[in-house]
C-alpha atoms as a PDB file:
ATOM      1  CA  TYR A   1     -11.517  -8.182   8.868  1.00  0.00           C
ATOM      2  CA  ILE A   2      -8.291  -9.529   7.214  1.00  0.00           C
ATOM      3  CA  ALA A   3      -6.430  -9.502   9.769  1.00  0.00           C
ATOM      4  CA  ASP A   4      -8.959 -11.289  12.031  1.00  0.00           C
ATOM      5  CA  GLY A   5      -8.641 -14.064   9.423  1.00  0.00           C
ATOM      6  CA  LEU A   6      -5.423 -13.919   8.964  1.00  0.00           C
ATOM      7  CA  ALA A   7      -4.685 -14.388  12.543  1.00  0.00           C
ATOM      8  CA  THR A   8      -7.282 -17.327  12.721  1.00  0.00           C
ATOM      9  CA  ILE A   9      -5.344 -19.399  10.291  1.00  0.00           C
ATOM     10  CA  GLU A  10      -1.709 -18.694  11.239  1.00  0.00           C
ATOM     11  CA  LEU A  11      -3.025 -20.098  14.853  1.00  0.00           C
ATOM     12  CA  LEU A  12      -5.105 -23.014  12.572  1.00  0.00           C
ATOM     13  CA  VAL A  13      -1.756 -24.063  10.575  1.00  0.00           C
ATOM     14  CA  LYS A  14       0.650 -23.755  13.702  1.00  0.00           C
ATOM     15  CA  GLU A  15      -1.738 -25.742  15.487  1.00  0.00           C
ATOM     16  CA  TRP A  16      -1.830 -29.106  12.744  1.00  0.00           C
ATOM     17  CA  SER A  17       1.653 -28.746  13.120  1.00  0.00           C
ATOM     18  CA  LEU A  18       1.841 -29.008  16.460  1.00  0.00           C
ATOM     19  CA  GLU A  19      -1.144 -31.636  16.597  1.00  0.00           C
ATOM     20  CA  ARG A  20       1.219 -33.783  14.348  1.00  0.00           C
ATOM     21  CA  HIS A  21       4.124 -33.088  16.348  1.00  0.00           C
ATOM     22  CA  ASP A  22       5.568 -31.984  12.849  1.00  0.00           C
ATOM     23  CA  THR A  23       7.086 -28.602  12.795  1.00  0.00           C
ATOM     24  CA  THR A  24       8.972 -29.568   8.890  1.00  0.00           C
ATOM     25  CA  ARG A  25       5.451 -30.967   8.110  1.00  0.00           C
ATOM     26  CA  GLU A  26       4.684 -33.137   4.914  1.00  0.00           C
ATOM     27  CA  GLY A  27       4.678 -29.882   2.665  1.00  0.00           C
ATOM     28  CA  PRO A  28       5.569 -26.648   2.417  1.00  0.00           C
ATOM     29  CA  PHE A  29       1.479 -25.828   2.702  1.00  0.00           C
ATOM     30  CA  CYS A  30      -1.541 -25.139   4.817  1.00  0.00           C
ATOM     31  CA  VAL A  31      -2.275 -28.690   5.854  1.00  0.00           C
ATOM     32  CA  GLY A  32       0.875 -30.100   4.009  1.00  0.00           C
ATOM     33  CA  PRO A  33      -0.062 -31.021   0.426  1.00  0.00           C
ATOM     34  CA  LEU A  34      -1.340 -27.851  -1.435  1.00  0.00           C
ATOM     35  CA  SER A  35      -4.917 -28.152  -0.794  1.00  0.00           C
ATOM     36  CA  LEU A  36      -8.190 -25.342  -1.352  1.00  0.00           C
ATOM     37  CA  ALA A  37      -6.895 -23.424   2.054  1.00  0.00           C
ATOM     38  CA  ASP A  38      -3.645 -23.087   0.128  1.00  0.00           C
ATOM     39  CA  VAL A  39      -5.910 -21.512  -3.075  1.00  0.00           C
ATOM     40  CA  PHE A  40      -8.462 -19.455  -0.482  1.00  0.00           C
ATOM     41  CA  LEU A  41      -5.382 -18.199   1.699  1.00  0.00           C
ATOM     42  CA  VAL A  42      -3.252 -16.392  -1.588  1.00  0.00           C
ATOM     43  CA  PRO A  43      -6.018 -14.019  -2.825  1.00  0.00           C
ATOM     44  CA  GLN A  44      -6.622 -13.190   0.736  1.00  0.00           C
ATOM     45  CA  LEU A  45      -2.513 -12.294   1.227  1.00  0.00           C
ATOM     46  CA  TYR A  46      -3.358 -10.110  -2.409  1.00  0.00           C
ATOM     47  CA  ASN A  47      -6.203  -8.219  -0.856  1.00  0.00           C
ATOM     48  CA  ALA A  48      -4.079  -7.395   2.400  1.00  0.00           C
ATOM     49  CA  ASP A  49      -0.992  -6.081   0.566  1.00  0.00           C
ATOM     50  CA  ARG A  50      -3.763  -4.116  -1.776  1.00  0.00           C
ATOM     51  CA  PHE A  51      -5.065  -2.962   1.370  1.00  0.00           C
ATOM     52  CA  GLU A  52      -1.747  -2.143   2.933  1.00  0.00           C
ATOM     53  CA  VAL A  53      -1.950  -4.874   5.849  1.00  0.00           C
ATOM     54  CA  ASP A  54       0.620  -5.036   8.061  1.00  0.00           C
ATOM     55  CA  LEU A  55       1.691  -8.657   7.581  1.00  0.00           C
ATOM     56  CA  THR A  56       4.640  -8.547   9.916  1.00  0.00           C
ATOM     57  CA  ALA A  57       2.199 -10.892  12.174  1.00  0.00           C
ATOM     58  CA  TYR A  58       1.917 -14.094  10.022  1.00  0.00           C
ATOM     59  CA  PRO A  59       4.924 -15.612   9.010  1.00  0.00           C
ATOM     60  CA  GLU A  60       3.373 -19.057   8.291  1.00  0.00           C
ATOM     61  CA  CYS A  61       0.659 -17.386   6.288  1.00  0.00           C
ATOM     62  CA  LEU A  62       3.616 -15.431   4.158  1.00  0.00           C
ATOM     63  CA  ARG A  63       6.279 -18.302   4.088  1.00  0.00           C
ATOM     64  CA  ILE A  64       2.491 -20.430   2.572  1.00  0.00           C
ATOM     65  CA  ARG A  65       2.520 -17.703  -0.514  1.00  0.00           C
ATOM     66  CA  SER A  66       5.954 -17.895  -0.871  1.00  0.00           C
ATOM     67  CA  ALA A  67       5.525 -21.287  -1.725  1.00  0.00           C
ATOM     68  CA  CYS A  68       2.081 -21.187  -3.586  1.00  0.00           C
ATOM     69  CA  GLU A  69       3.868 -18.650  -5.688  1.00  0.00           C
ATOM     70  CA  GLU A  70       6.421 -21.054  -6.839  1.00  0.00           C
ATOM     71  CA  LEU A  71       3.462 -22.857  -8.710  1.00  0.00           C
ATOM     72  CA  GLU A  72       3.034 -21.800 -12.024  1.00  0.00           C
ATOM     73  CA  ALA A  73      -0.755 -22.146 -12.231  1.00  0.00           C
ATOM     74  CA  PHE A  74       0.073 -19.153  -9.161  1.00  0.00           C
ATOM     75  CA  ARG A  75       1.368 -17.537 -11.307  1.00  0.00           C
ATOM     76  CA  LYS A  76      -0.907 -17.632 -13.831  1.00  0.00           C
ATOM     77  CA  ALA A  77      -3.651 -16.582 -11.778  1.00  0.00           C
ATOM     78  CA  ALA A  78      -2.719 -13.834 -10.060  1.00  0.00           C
ATOM     79  CA  PRO A  79      -4.731 -10.828 -10.160  1.00  0.00           C
ATOM     80  CA  ASP A  80      -1.609  -8.513 -11.747  1.00  0.00           C
ATOM     81  CA  ASN A  81      -1.292 -11.723 -14.693  1.00  0.00           C
ATOM     82  CA  GLN A  82      -4.792 -10.949 -15.636  1.00  0.00           C
ATOM     83  CA  LEU A  83      -5.752  -9.157 -19.017  1.00  0.00           C
ATOM     84  CA  ASP A  84      -8.279  -7.643 -17.886  1.00  0.00           C
ATOM     85  CA  LYS A  85      -7.112  -5.966 -14.532  1.00  0.00           C
ATOM     86  CA  PRO A  86      -7.590  -2.264 -14.030  1.00  0.00           C
ATOM     87  CA  ILE A  87      -5.407   0.788 -14.988  1.00  0.00           C
ATOM     88  CA  GLU A  88      -4.201   2.356 -11.570  1.00  0.00           C
END
């Protein structure tokens, strides 16, 4: 189901950009400025990595994740940075 969800997000981000006739967007995130869409996307990509989902078909999602990871709040909230993360 992860791949299906990411494919939908990828399509929606591209469609939003085309509807606005703006291939650069107003910002590097899902809908321009940072929004809840970005907050929900990043954990899905984390899980996709965890379950070894091939993400090459989702360049927009990967671009958005990179933009989010530049923000301190996202870095601090990353599962790998939590004190109670299970040891693998």
